[in-house]
């Protein structure tokens, strides 16, 4: 199965929760190439908890940066040199879910954006977007950036409360498949996430898009 990249239109929209749900649904391996900020639960730790992920399906980050900031700035403050060319998709048995940092155009270094690395990888990408105010602009801009770099776009997954018009409008303007909407969950645990993911996200379409 082809690896799949998870990115978002912004930071803090629920991309890591979506990644955890997808990892569990596909029984995939998870990789976060660069983690910025170690004081709170990291994205790898969140996915491990919410996907009930066994240790053998969690790959270590290429860079663990202490400072909670954009990777380019975090690395500079921490005195770490990130070599984007050294970030290669790991070769694993079975599906691989790769989660980026924040939005698509987050700088990895002063010269390279995350989107540039995604383009080099050439793997299909799922764009996570919020459902509320501002999402039409943010999502369509992200789609334009993805297409400008010829990154294969598998679909858009929305996260948040129901808003019928926003996904419909985005689909009409972009022509990108909508993979569903993951609601906010309370409580959020492996059981509630697995149930919500199965009920609301088109996992079959994702599998087809990844060649499964």
N, C-alpha and C. Protein backbone atom coordinates (compact mmCIF):
# COMPACT_ATOMS: atom_id res chain seq x y z
N UNK A 1 0.85 -1.19 0.00
CA UNK A 1 0.00 0.00 0.00
C UNK A 1 0.89 1.24 0.00
N UNK A 2 0.50 2.24 -0.77
CA UNK A 2 1.23 3.50 -0.86
C UNK A 2 1.17 4.25 0.46
N UNK A 3 2.26 4.90 0.89
CA UNK A 3 2.19 5.76 2.08
C UNK A 3 1.21 6.90 1.86
N UNK A 4 0.66 7.45 2.94
CA UNK A 4 -0.25 8.58 2.84
C UNK A 4 0.23 9.67 3.78
N UNK A 5 0.20 10.91 3.28
CA UNK A 5 0.63 12.07 4.05
C UNK A 5 -0.60 12.78 4.59
N UNK A 6 -0.57 13.15 5.86
CA UNK A 6 -1.65 13.92 6.47
C UNK A 6 -1.14 15.32 6.76
N UNK A 7 -1.80 16.32 6.18
CA UNK A 7 -1.47 17.70 6.46
C UNK A 7 -2.75 18.45 6.74
N UNK A 8 -2.61 19.73 7.08
CA UNK A 8 -3.80 20.50 7.44
C UNK A 8 -3.78 21.89 6.82
N UNK A 9 -4.90 22.57 6.95
CA UNK A 9 -5.00 23.95 6.48
C UNK A 9 -4.44 24.92 7.51
N UNK A 10 -4.20 24.42 8.72
CA UNK A 10 -3.75 25.28 9.81
C UNK A 10 -3.28 24.37 10.94
N UNK A 11 -2.79 24.97 12.01
CA UNK A 11 -2.40 24.20 13.18
C UNK A 11 -3.57 24.11 14.15
N UNK A 12 -3.61 23.05 14.95
CA UNK A 12 -4.63 22.91 15.99
C UNK A 12 -6.02 22.58 15.49
N UNK A 13 -6.13 21.98 14.30
CA UNK A 13 -7.46 21.68 13.77
C UNK A 13 -7.89 20.25 14.01
N UNK A 14 -7.01 19.42 14.59
CA UNK A 14 -7.37 18.03 14.84
C UNK A 14 -6.71 17.04 13.91
N UNK A 15 -5.66 17.49 13.25
CA UNK A 15 -4.94 16.63 12.28
C UNK A 15 -4.36 15.39 12.95
N UNK A 16 -3.85 15.54 14.17
CA UNK A 16 -3.26 14.40 14.86
C UNK A 16 -4.32 13.39 15.26
N UNK A 17 -5.48 13.87 15.68
CA UNK A 17 -6.59 12.96 16.02
C UNK A 17 -7.03 12.20 14.77
N UNK A 18 -7.14 12.91 13.64
CA UNK A 18 -7.48 12.23 12.39
C UNK A 18 -6.42 11.20 12.05
N UNK A 19 -5.16 11.55 12.21
CA UNK A 19 -4.07 10.60 11.92
C UNK A 19 -4.20 9.35 12.78
N UNK A 20 -4.53 9.54 14.05
CA UNK A 20 -4.70 8.40 14.94
C UNK A 20 -5.85 7.51 14.48
N UNK A 21 -6.95 8.13 14.08
CA UNK A 21 -8.07 7.35 13.59
C UNK A 21 -7.73 6.57 12.34
N UNK A 22 -6.96 7.19 11.45
CA UNK A 22 -6.58 6.52 10.21
C UNK A 22 -5.59 5.40 10.48
N UNK A 23 -4.64 5.64 11.38
CA UNK A 23 -3.68 4.59 11.75
C UNK A 23 -4.41 3.36 12.27
N UNK A 24 -5.39 3.58 13.14
CA UNK A 24 -6.15 2.46 13.68
C UNK A 24 -6.97 1.76 12.61
N UNK A 25 -7.61 2.55 11.74
CA UNK A 25 -8.48 1.98 10.70
C UNK A 25 -7.69 1.15 9.69
N UNK A 26 -6.47 1.59 9.37
CA UNK A 26 -5.65 0.90 8.38
C UNK A 26 -4.68 -0.09 9.00
N UNK A 27 -4.62 -0.10 10.34
CA UNK A 27 -3.59 -0.88 11.04
C UNK A 27 -2.21 -0.52 10.49
N UNK A 28 -1.98 0.80 10.45
CA UNK A 28 -0.81 1.35 9.79
C UNK A 28 0.32 1.63 10.77
N UNK A 29 1.49 1.86 10.23
CA UNK A 29 2.63 2.40 10.96
C UNK A 29 2.53 3.92 10.91
N UNK A 30 2.98 4.59 11.97
CA UNK A 30 2.89 6.05 12.06
C UNK A 30 4.28 6.66 12.14
N UNK A 31 4.45 7.80 11.42
CA UNK A 31 5.71 8.54 11.48
C UNK A 31 5.46 10.02 11.47
N UNK A 32 6.02 10.72 12.43
CA UNK A 32 6.03 12.18 12.49
C UNK A 32 7.47 12.60 12.25
N UNK A 33 7.82 13.11 11.07
CA UNK A 33 9.23 13.39 10.78
C UNK A 33 9.89 14.37 11.74
N UNK A 34 9.18 15.47 12.07
CA UNK A 34 9.76 16.50 12.94
C UNK A 34 8.74 16.87 14.01
N UNK A 35 9.14 16.74 15.26
CA UNK A 35 8.30 17.15 16.39
C UNK A 35 8.90 18.40 17.03
N UNK A 36 8.10 19.47 17.08
CA UNK A 36 8.52 20.71 17.73
C UNK A 36 7.75 20.88 19.04
N UNK A 37 8.47 20.91 20.15
CA UNK A 37 7.85 21.03 21.45
C UNK A 37 7.72 19.69 22.13
N UNK A 38 8.33 19.56 23.32
CA UNK A 38 8.34 18.29 24.03
C UNK A 38 7.75 18.39 25.43
N UNK A 39 7.31 19.58 25.84
CA UNK A 39 6.80 19.75 27.19
C UNK A 39 5.47 19.03 27.41
N UNK A 40 4.61 19.05 26.39
CA UNK A 40 3.31 18.39 26.49
C UNK A 40 3.35 17.08 25.69
N UNK A 41 2.24 16.36 25.67
CA UNK A 41 2.17 15.11 24.92
C UNK A 41 2.51 15.37 23.46
N UNK A 42 3.46 14.63 22.91
CA UNK A 42 3.83 14.81 21.51
C UNK A 42 2.78 14.18 20.61
N UNK A 43 2.86 14.50 19.32
CA UNK A 43 1.92 13.91 18.37
C UNK A 43 2.07 12.40 18.32
N UNK A 44 3.30 11.91 18.36
CA UNK A 44 3.52 10.47 18.35
C UNK A 44 2.90 9.82 19.58
N UNK A 45 3.01 10.46 20.73
CA UNK A 45 2.42 9.93 21.95
C UNK A 45 0.90 9.96 21.88
N UNK A 46 0.35 11.02 21.30
CA UNK A 46 -1.11 11.11 21.15
C UNK A 46 -1.63 10.00 20.24
N UNK A 47 -0.96 9.81 19.11
CA UNK A 47 -1.39 8.76 18.19
C UNK A 47 -1.24 7.38 18.83
N UNK A 48 -0.15 7.17 19.54
CA UNK A 48 0.04 5.89 20.23
C UNK A 48 -1.10 5.61 21.19
N UNK A 49 -1.51 6.63 21.93
CA UNK A 49 -2.59 6.47 22.90
C UNK A 49 -3.95 6.26 22.23
N UNK A 50 -4.27 7.10 21.25
CA UNK A 50 -5.61 7.06 20.66
C UNK A 50 -5.79 5.92 19.66
N UNK A 51 -4.70 5.44 19.07
CA UNK A 51 -4.79 4.33 18.12
C UNK A 51 -4.44 3.00 18.77
N UNK A 52 -4.16 3.02 20.09
CA UNK A 52 -3.69 1.83 20.79
C UNK A 52 -2.58 1.17 19.98
N UNK A 53 -1.61 1.99 19.60
CA UNK A 53 -0.57 1.59 18.65
C UNK A 53 0.53 0.79 19.33
N UNK A 54 0.82 -0.41 18.85
CA UNK A 54 1.94 -1.17 19.42
C UNK A 54 3.28 -0.54 19.06
N UNK A 55 4.29 -0.73 19.89
CA UNK A 55 5.59 -0.06 19.67
C UNK A 55 6.20 -0.34 18.30
N UNK A 56 5.98 -1.52 17.76
CA UNK A 56 6.62 -1.86 16.49
C UNK A 56 6.02 -1.10 15.30
N UNK A 57 4.87 -0.44 15.51
CA UNK A 57 4.28 0.34 14.42
C UNK A 57 4.39 1.84 14.65
N UNK A 58 5.29 2.24 15.53
CA UNK A 58 5.60 3.65 15.75
C UNK A 58 7.06 3.89 15.41
N UNK A 59 7.29 4.74 14.40
CA UNK A 59 8.65 5.07 14.01
C UNK A 59 9.12 6.29 14.77
N UNK A 60 10.39 6.33 15.18
CA UNK A 60 10.90 7.51 15.90
C UNK A 60 10.99 8.72 14.97
N UNK A 61 10.80 9.89 15.54
CA UNK A 61 10.92 11.11 14.77
C UNK A 61 12.36 11.28 14.28
N UNK A 62 12.51 11.87 13.12
CA UNK A 62 13.86 12.19 12.64
C UNK A 62 14.47 13.31 13.47
N UNK A 63 13.62 14.25 13.93
CA UNK A 63 14.07 15.36 14.77
C UNK A 63 13.07 15.59 15.88
N UNK A 64 13.54 15.64 17.13
CA UNK A 64 12.73 15.99 18.29
C UNK A 64 13.26 17.32 18.83
N UNK A 65 12.51 18.38 18.57
CA UNK A 65 12.95 19.73 18.91
C UNK A 65 12.24 20.20 20.18
N UNK A 66 13.00 20.80 21.07
CA UNK A 66 12.46 21.19 22.37
C UNK A 66 11.53 22.39 22.26
N UNK A 67 11.92 23.38 21.47
CA UNK A 67 11.17 24.64 21.40
C UNK A 67 9.86 24.46 20.64
N UNK A 68 8.72 24.85 21.24
CA UNK A 68 7.44 24.75 20.53
C UNK A 68 7.25 25.91 19.56
N UNK A 69 7.64 25.70 18.32
CA UNK A 69 7.54 26.74 17.29
C UNK A 69 7.55 26.06 15.94
N UNK A 70 7.45 26.86 14.88
CA UNK A 70 7.61 26.32 13.54
C UNK A 70 8.95 25.60 13.46
N UNK A 71 9.02 24.45 12.75
CA UNK A 71 10.27 23.67 12.76
C UNK A 71 11.51 24.45 12.40
N UNK A 72 11.42 25.39 11.45
CA UNK A 72 12.62 26.12 11.06
C UNK A 72 13.16 26.96 12.22
N UNK A 73 12.26 27.60 12.96
CA UNK A 73 12.66 28.45 14.08
C UNK A 73 13.05 27.60 15.29
N UNK A 74 12.27 26.56 15.54
CA UNK A 74 12.58 25.66 16.65
C UNK A 74 13.97 25.06 16.50
N UNK A 75 14.31 24.64 15.28
CA UNK A 75 15.63 24.06 15.03
C UNK A 75 16.73 25.08 15.25
N UNK A 76 16.51 26.31 14.80
CA UNK A 76 17.52 27.35 14.99
C UNK A 76 17.76 27.62 16.47
N UNK A 77 16.66 27.72 17.24
CA UNK A 77 16.79 28.01 18.67
C UNK A 77 17.48 26.86 19.39
N UNK A 78 17.16 25.62 18.97
CA UNK A 78 17.73 24.43 19.61
C UNK A 78 19.14 24.11 19.11
N UNK A 79 19.60 24.83 18.08
CA UNK A 79 20.93 24.55 17.53
C UNK A 79 20.99 23.26 16.73
N UNK A 80 19.89 22.95 16.05
CA UNK A 80 19.80 21.72 15.26
C UNK A 80 19.74 22.08 13.78
N UNK A 81 20.46 21.35 12.96
CA UNK A 81 20.42 21.54 11.51
C UNK A 81 19.53 20.46 10.89
N UNK A 82 18.45 20.89 10.26
CA UNK A 82 17.57 19.96 9.56
C UNK A 82 17.99 19.89 8.09
N UNK A 83 18.24 18.70 7.61
CA UNK A 83 18.57 18.49 6.20
C UNK A 83 17.33 17.89 5.53
N UNK A 84 16.55 18.69 4.81
CA UNK A 84 15.33 18.17 4.19
C UNK A 84 15.59 17.00 3.24
N UNK A 85 16.73 17.01 2.56
CA UNK A 85 17.03 15.93 1.62
C UNK A 85 17.25 14.59 2.32
N UNK A 86 17.55 14.65 3.62
CA UNK A 86 17.77 13.42 4.38
C UNK A 86 16.46 12.83 4.90
N UNK A 87 15.36 13.58 4.76
CA UNK A 87 14.06 13.06 5.17
C UNK A 87 13.49 12.22 4.03
N UNK A 88 13.57 10.93 4.19
CA UNK A 88 13.09 9.98 3.19
C UNK A 88 11.97 9.16 3.77
N UNK A 89 10.99 8.81 2.95
CA UNK A 89 9.89 7.98 3.44
C UNK A 89 10.43 6.63 3.87
N UNK A 90 10.14 6.21 5.09
CA UNK A 90 10.62 4.90 5.56
C UNK A 90 9.98 3.76 4.77
N UNK A 91 10.73 2.70 4.61
CA UNK A 91 10.24 1.50 3.95
C UNK A 91 9.71 0.56 5.03
N UNK A 92 8.39 0.41 5.09
CA UNK A 92 7.77 -0.43 6.11
C UNK A 92 6.86 -1.45 5.45
N UNK A 93 6.57 -2.50 6.18
CA UNK A 93 5.60 -3.49 5.71
C UNK A 93 4.20 -2.98 6.02
N UNK A 94 3.36 -2.89 4.99
CA UNK A 94 2.00 -2.40 5.20
C UNK A 94 1.89 -0.90 5.05
N UNK A 95 0.73 -0.36 5.39
CA UNK A 95 0.48 1.07 5.21
C UNK A 95 1.29 1.93 6.17
N UNK A 96 1.59 3.14 5.72
CA UNK A 96 2.35 4.11 6.50
C UNK A 96 1.61 5.44 6.49
N UNK A 97 1.32 5.98 7.67
CA UNK A 97 0.71 7.30 7.81
C UNK A 97 1.78 8.28 8.27
N UNK A 98 1.99 9.34 7.49
CA UNK A 98 3.02 10.34 7.79
C UNK A 98 2.32 11.67 8.08
N UNK A 99 2.58 12.22 9.24
CA UNK A 99 1.92 13.48 9.63
C UNK A 99 2.89 14.64 9.57
N UNK A 100 2.50 15.68 8.85
CA UNK A 100 3.30 16.89 8.79
C UNK A 100 3.12 17.74 10.03
N UNK A 101 3.61 18.98 9.98
CA UNK A 101 3.52 19.90 11.11
C UNK A 101 2.68 21.10 10.70
N UNK A 102 1.62 21.37 11.47
CA UNK A 102 0.80 22.53 11.20
C UNK A 102 0.19 22.49 9.80
N UNK A 103 0.32 23.59 9.06
CA UNK A 103 -0.23 23.66 7.72
C UNK A 103 0.74 23.24 6.65
N UNK A 104 0.26 23.24 5.45
CA UNK A 104 1.02 22.75 4.29
C UNK A 104 2.28 23.58 4.04
N UNK A 105 2.21 24.88 4.25
CA UNK A 105 3.33 25.77 3.92
C UNK A 105 4.15 26.16 5.14
N UNK A 106 4.16 25.31 6.15
CA UNK A 106 5.04 25.54 7.30
C UNK A 106 6.48 25.37 6.86
N UNK A 107 7.38 26.31 7.23
CA UNK A 107 8.79 26.16 6.85
C UNK A 107 9.48 25.06 7.65
N UNK A 108 10.19 24.22 6.94
CA UNK A 108 11.02 23.20 7.58
C UNK A 108 12.41 23.78 7.87
N UNK A 109 12.91 24.57 6.92
CA UNK A 109 14.14 25.34 7.08
C UNK A 109 13.88 26.73 6.52
N UNK A 110 14.89 27.56 6.47
CA UNK A 110 14.73 28.90 5.89
C UNK A 110 14.53 28.85 4.38
N UNK A 111 14.79 27.70 3.78
CA UNK A 111 14.72 27.60 2.32
C UNK A 111 13.69 26.60 1.81
N UNK A 112 13.17 25.74 2.70
CA UNK A 112 12.31 24.63 2.27
C UNK A 112 11.03 24.60 3.09
N UNK A 113 9.90 24.51 2.41
CA UNK A 113 8.60 24.33 3.06
C UNK A 113 8.28 22.84 3.15
N UNK A 114 7.40 22.49 4.09
CA UNK A 114 6.96 21.10 4.17
C UNK A 114 6.39 20.63 2.84
N UNK A 115 5.64 21.51 2.16
CA UNK A 115 5.04 21.13 0.88
C UNK A 115 6.08 20.73 -0.15
N UNK A 116 7.27 21.34 -0.08
CA UNK A 116 8.33 20.98 -1.01
C UNK A 116 8.82 19.55 -0.77
N UNK A 117 8.88 19.16 0.49
CA UNK A 117 9.26 17.79 0.82
C UNK A 117 8.16 16.82 0.38
N UNK A 118 6.91 17.18 0.62
CA UNK A 118 5.80 16.32 0.18
C UNK A 118 5.85 16.12 -1.33
N UNK A 119 6.17 17.18 -2.07
CA UNK A 119 6.24 17.08 -3.53
C UNK A 119 7.35 16.12 -3.94
N UNK A 120 8.47 16.17 -3.25
CA UNK A 120 9.58 15.27 -3.57
C UNK A 120 9.20 13.82 -3.29
N UNK A 121 8.47 13.60 -2.20
CA UNK A 121 8.04 12.24 -1.88
C UNK A 121 7.06 11.68 -2.91
N UNK A 122 6.14 12.51 -3.38
CA UNK A 122 5.19 12.08 -4.39
C UNK A 122 4.10 11.15 -3.90
N UNK A 123 3.93 11.04 -2.59
CA UNK A 123 2.90 10.16 -2.02
C UNK A 123 1.56 10.89 -1.96
N UNK A 124 0.45 10.16 -2.00
CA UNK A 124 -0.87 10.80 -1.90
C UNK A 124 -1.02 11.53 -0.57
N UNK A 125 -1.82 12.58 -0.60
CA UNK A 125 -1.98 13.44 0.57
C UNK A 125 -3.46 13.60 0.90
N UNK A 126 -3.77 13.60 2.20
CA UNK A 126 -5.10 13.94 2.69
C UNK A 126 -5.00 15.28 3.39
N UNK A 127 -5.86 16.22 3.00
CA UNK A 127 -5.88 17.55 3.58
C UNK A 127 -6.96 17.63 4.65
N UNK A 128 -6.58 17.91 5.89
CA UNK A 128 -7.54 18.07 6.97
C UNK A 128 -7.92 19.55 7.09
N UNK A 129 -9.21 19.81 7.26
CA UNK A 129 -9.70 21.18 7.32
C UNK A 129 -10.75 21.31 8.41
N UNK A 130 -10.82 22.47 9.02
CA UNK A 130 -11.88 22.73 9.99
C UNK A 130 -13.19 22.97 9.25
N UNK A 131 -14.30 22.91 9.95
CA UNK A 131 -15.60 23.08 9.31
C UNK A 131 -16.11 24.52 9.38
N UNK A 132 -15.61 25.32 10.31
CA UNK A 132 -16.20 26.61 10.60
C UNK A 132 -15.72 27.76 9.74
N UNK A 133 -15.98 28.96 10.23
CA UNK A 133 -15.71 30.20 9.50
C UNK A 133 -14.25 30.30 9.09
N UNK A 134 -14.01 30.65 7.84
CA UNK A 134 -12.67 30.79 7.31
C UNK A 134 -12.15 29.59 6.56
N UNK A 135 -12.86 28.46 6.69
CA UNK A 135 -12.33 27.23 6.10
C UNK A 135 -12.36 27.24 4.58
N UNK A 136 -13.30 27.93 3.97
CA UNK A 136 -13.36 27.95 2.50
C UNK A 136 -12.08 28.57 1.94
N UNK A 137 -11.72 29.72 2.45
CA UNK A 137 -10.51 30.40 1.99
C UNK A 137 -9.26 29.57 2.27
N UNK A 138 -9.11 29.10 3.50
CA UNK A 138 -7.91 28.35 3.88
C UNK A 138 -7.79 27.05 3.08
N UNK A 139 -8.91 26.38 2.88
CA UNK A 139 -8.86 25.09 2.20
C UNK A 139 -8.58 25.26 0.71
N UNK A 140 -9.22 26.22 0.08
CA UNK A 140 -9.00 26.42 -1.35
C UNK A 140 -7.57 26.91 -1.62
N UNK A 141 -7.04 27.74 -0.74
CA UNK A 141 -5.64 28.16 -0.88
C UNK A 141 -4.70 26.96 -0.73
N UNK A 142 -5.00 26.07 0.20
CA UNK A 142 -4.17 24.88 0.40
C UNK A 142 -4.24 23.97 -0.82
N UNK A 143 -5.43 23.79 -1.36
CA UNK A 143 -5.58 22.97 -2.56
C UNK A 143 -4.78 23.56 -3.71
N UNK A 144 -4.82 24.88 -3.86
CA UNK A 144 -4.05 25.53 -4.93
C UNK A 144 -2.55 25.29 -4.75
N UNK A 145 -2.06 25.35 -3.50
CA UNK A 145 -0.64 25.12 -3.25
C UNK A 145 -0.25 23.67 -3.53
N UNK A 146 -1.14 22.75 -3.20
CA UNK A 146 -0.91 21.33 -3.47
C UNK A 146 -0.82 21.08 -4.97
N UNK A 147 -1.76 21.63 -5.70
CA UNK A 147 -1.79 21.41 -7.15
C UNK A 147 -0.61 22.09 -7.84
N UNK A 148 -0.19 23.23 -7.33
CA UNK A 148 0.95 23.92 -7.94
C UNK A 148 2.21 23.07 -7.86
N UNK A 149 2.27 22.20 -6.86
CA UNK A 149 3.44 21.33 -6.68
C UNK A 149 3.21 19.92 -7.21
N UNK A 150 2.06 19.71 -7.81
CA UNK A 150 1.71 18.42 -8.41
C UNK A 150 1.75 17.27 -7.38
N UNK A 151 1.31 17.57 -6.18
CA UNK A 151 1.20 16.53 -5.14
C UNK A 151 -0.13 15.81 -5.32
N UNK A 152 -0.14 14.48 -5.36
CA UNK A 152 -1.42 13.76 -5.50
C UNK A 152 -2.32 14.03 -4.29
N UNK A 153 -3.51 14.57 -4.54
CA UNK A 153 -4.44 14.91 -3.46
C UNK A 153 -5.56 13.88 -3.42
N UNK A 154 -5.54 13.05 -2.38
CA UNK A 154 -6.52 11.97 -2.28
C UNK A 154 -7.89 12.50 -1.89
N UNK A 155 -7.95 13.50 -1.04
CA UNK A 155 -9.24 14.06 -0.64
C UNK A 155 -9.10 14.99 0.54
N UNK A 156 -10.22 15.57 0.93
CA UNK A 156 -10.30 16.49 2.06
C UNK A 156 -11.12 15.85 3.16
N UNK A 157 -10.60 15.89 4.38
CA UNK A 157 -11.33 15.41 5.56
C UNK A 157 -11.61 16.59 6.47
N UNK A 158 -12.87 16.78 6.83
CA UNK A 158 -13.24 17.89 7.70
C UNK A 158 -13.29 17.41 9.14
N UNK A 159 -12.99 18.33 10.05
CA UNK A 159 -12.97 18.02 11.48
C UNK A 159 -13.70 19.13 12.22
N UNK A 160 -14.72 18.75 12.98
CA UNK A 160 -15.46 19.75 13.75
C UNK A 160 -16.96 19.55 13.65
N UNK A 161 -17.70 20.55 14.09
CA UNK A 161 -19.16 20.49 14.09
C UNK A 161 -19.70 20.55 12.66
N UNK A 162 -20.88 20.00 12.48
CA UNK A 162 -21.50 19.95 11.16
C UNK A 162 -21.74 21.36 10.60
N UNK A 163 -21.42 21.52 9.32
CA UNK A 163 -21.67 22.77 8.59
C UNK A 163 -21.87 22.36 7.14
N UNK A 164 -23.10 22.21 6.74
CA UNK A 164 -23.41 21.60 5.44
C UNK A 164 -22.85 22.38 4.26
N UNK A 165 -22.90 23.71 4.33
CA UNK A 165 -22.55 24.49 3.15
C UNK A 165 -21.05 24.55 2.89
N UNK A 166 -20.23 24.65 3.92
CA UNK A 166 -18.80 24.82 3.70
C UNK A 166 -18.17 23.65 2.92
N UNK A 167 -18.37 22.40 3.33
CA UNK A 167 -17.81 21.30 2.53
C UNK A 167 -18.37 21.27 1.11
N UNK A 168 -19.67 21.55 0.96
CA UNK A 168 -20.27 21.53 -0.36
C UNK A 168 -19.66 22.61 -1.25
N UNK A 169 -19.44 23.80 -0.70
CA UNK A 169 -18.85 24.89 -1.47
C UNK A 169 -17.40 24.58 -1.85
N UNK A 170 -16.65 24.05 -0.91
CA UNK A 170 -15.26 23.69 -1.18
C UNK A 170 -15.18 22.62 -2.25
N UNK A 171 -16.04 21.63 -2.18
CA UNK A 171 -16.05 20.57 -3.18
C UNK A 171 -16.38 21.13 -4.57
N UNK A 172 -17.33 22.06 -4.61
CA UNK A 172 -17.74 22.63 -5.89
C UNK A 172 -16.62 23.44 -6.54
N UNK A 173 -15.91 24.22 -5.75
CA UNK A 173 -14.85 25.06 -6.30
C UNK A 173 -13.57 24.28 -6.59
N UNK A 174 -13.29 23.26 -5.79
CA UNK A 174 -12.02 22.56 -5.92
C UNK A 174 -12.10 21.29 -6.76
N UNK A 175 -13.27 20.64 -6.77
CA UNK A 175 -13.38 19.36 -7.45
C UNK A 175 -12.68 18.23 -6.72
N UNK A 176 -12.32 18.45 -5.44
CA UNK A 176 -11.61 17.44 -4.66
C UNK A 176 -12.62 16.58 -3.90
N UNK A 177 -12.44 15.26 -3.87
CA UNK A 177 -13.36 14.40 -3.12
C UNK A 177 -13.38 14.75 -1.63
N UNK A 178 -14.55 14.70 -1.04
CA UNK A 178 -14.70 14.91 0.40
C UNK A 178 -14.77 13.54 1.06
N UNK A 179 -13.87 13.32 2.00
CA UNK A 179 -13.74 12.00 2.63
C UNK A 179 -14.60 11.85 3.87
N UNK A 180 -15.29 12.92 4.26
CA UNK A 180 -16.16 12.86 5.43
C UNK A 180 -15.80 13.92 6.45
N UNK A 181 -16.52 13.84 7.58
CA UNK A 181 -16.31 14.81 8.66
C UNK A 181 -16.17 14.06 9.98
N UNK A 182 -15.06 14.28 10.67
CA UNK A 182 -14.85 13.68 11.98
C UNK A 182 -15.32 14.68 13.03
N UNK A 183 -16.35 14.34 13.81
CA UNK A 183 -16.84 15.29 14.81
C UNK A 183 -15.89 15.40 15.99
N UNK A 184 -16.00 16.49 16.73
CA UNK A 184 -15.27 16.61 17.98
C UNK A 184 -15.84 15.59 18.96
N UNK A 185 -14.99 14.92 19.70
CA UNK A 185 -15.42 13.81 20.54
C UNK A 185 -15.15 14.11 22.01
N UNK A 186 -16.14 13.85 22.84
CA UNK A 186 -16.00 13.99 24.28
C UNK A 186 -16.83 12.91 24.96
N UNK A 187 -16.19 11.88 25.49
CA UNK A 187 -14.75 11.74 25.68
C UNK A 187 -14.05 11.32 24.38
N UNK A 188 -12.77 11.60 24.33
CA UNK A 188 -11.93 11.17 23.20
C UNK A 188 -11.01 10.08 23.69
N UNK A 189 -11.25 8.87 23.20
CA UNK A 189 -10.43 7.72 23.59
C UNK A 189 -10.39 6.76 22.41
N UNK A 190 -9.61 5.69 22.50
CA UNK A 190 -9.52 4.78 21.34
C UNK A 190 -10.86 4.24 20.87
N UNK A 191 -11.76 3.96 21.80
CA UNK A 191 -13.06 3.41 21.41
C UNK A 191 -13.95 4.42 20.70
N UNK A 192 -14.07 5.62 21.27
CA UNK A 192 -14.92 6.63 20.63
C UNK A 192 -14.35 7.09 19.30
N UNK A 193 -13.03 7.17 19.21
CA UNK A 193 -12.41 7.59 17.95
C UNK A 193 -12.61 6.54 16.87
N UNK A 194 -12.40 5.28 17.20
CA UNK A 194 -12.58 4.22 16.20
C UNK A 194 -14.01 4.17 15.70
N UNK A 195 -14.97 4.32 16.61
CA UNK A 195 -16.38 4.28 16.21
C UNK A 195 -16.74 5.47 15.34
N UNK A 196 -16.29 6.67 15.72
CA UNK A 196 -16.60 7.87 14.94
C UNK A 196 -15.92 7.84 13.59
N UNK A 197 -14.71 7.34 13.54
CA UNK A 197 -13.98 7.27 12.27
C UNK A 197 -14.69 6.32 11.31
N UNK A 198 -15.09 5.17 11.82
CA UNK A 198 -15.78 4.18 10.97
C UNK A 198 -17.11 4.72 10.47
N UNK A 199 -17.80 5.50 11.30
CA UNK A 199 -19.13 5.98 10.94
C UNK A 199 -19.10 7.20 10.02
N UNK A 200 -18.01 7.97 10.05
CA UNK A 200 -18.03 9.27 9.37
C UNK A 200 -16.99 9.47 8.27
N UNK A 201 -15.95 8.64 8.25
CA UNK A 201 -14.88 8.81 7.27
C UNK A 201 -14.92 7.67 6.26
N UNK A 202 -14.77 7.99 4.98
CA UNK A 202 -14.85 6.99 3.92
C UNK A 202 -13.50 6.26 3.81
N UNK A 203 -13.31 5.30 4.72
CA UNK A 203 -12.06 4.56 4.75
C UNK A 203 -11.88 3.73 3.48
N UNK A 204 -12.98 3.24 2.93
CA UNK A 204 -12.90 2.45 1.69
C UNK A 204 -12.31 3.28 0.55
N UNK A 205 -12.73 4.55 0.46
CA UNK A 205 -12.19 5.41 -0.59
C UNK A 205 -10.70 5.67 -0.36
N UNK A 206 -10.31 5.81 0.90
CA UNK A 206 -8.89 6.01 1.20
C UNK A 206 -8.10 4.78 0.80
N UNK A 207 -8.61 3.60 1.13
CA UNK A 207 -7.93 2.36 0.75
C UNK A 207 -7.77 2.26 -0.77
N UNK A 208 -8.83 2.60 -1.48
CA UNK A 208 -8.75 2.54 -2.96
C UNK A 208 -7.70 3.52 -3.47
N UNK A 209 -7.66 4.71 -2.87
CA UNK A 209 -6.71 5.71 -3.29
C UNK A 209 -5.27 5.32 -3.02
N UNK A 210 -5.09 4.42 -2.03
CA UNK A 210 -3.75 3.97 -1.69
C UNK A 210 -3.40 2.65 -2.33
N UNK A 211 -4.30 2.16 -3.17
CA UNK A 211 -3.99 0.92 -3.91
C UNK A 211 -4.26 -0.35 -3.14
N UNK A 212 -5.09 -0.26 -2.08
CA UNK A 212 -5.37 -1.47 -1.28
C UNK A 212 -6.60 -2.19 -1.82
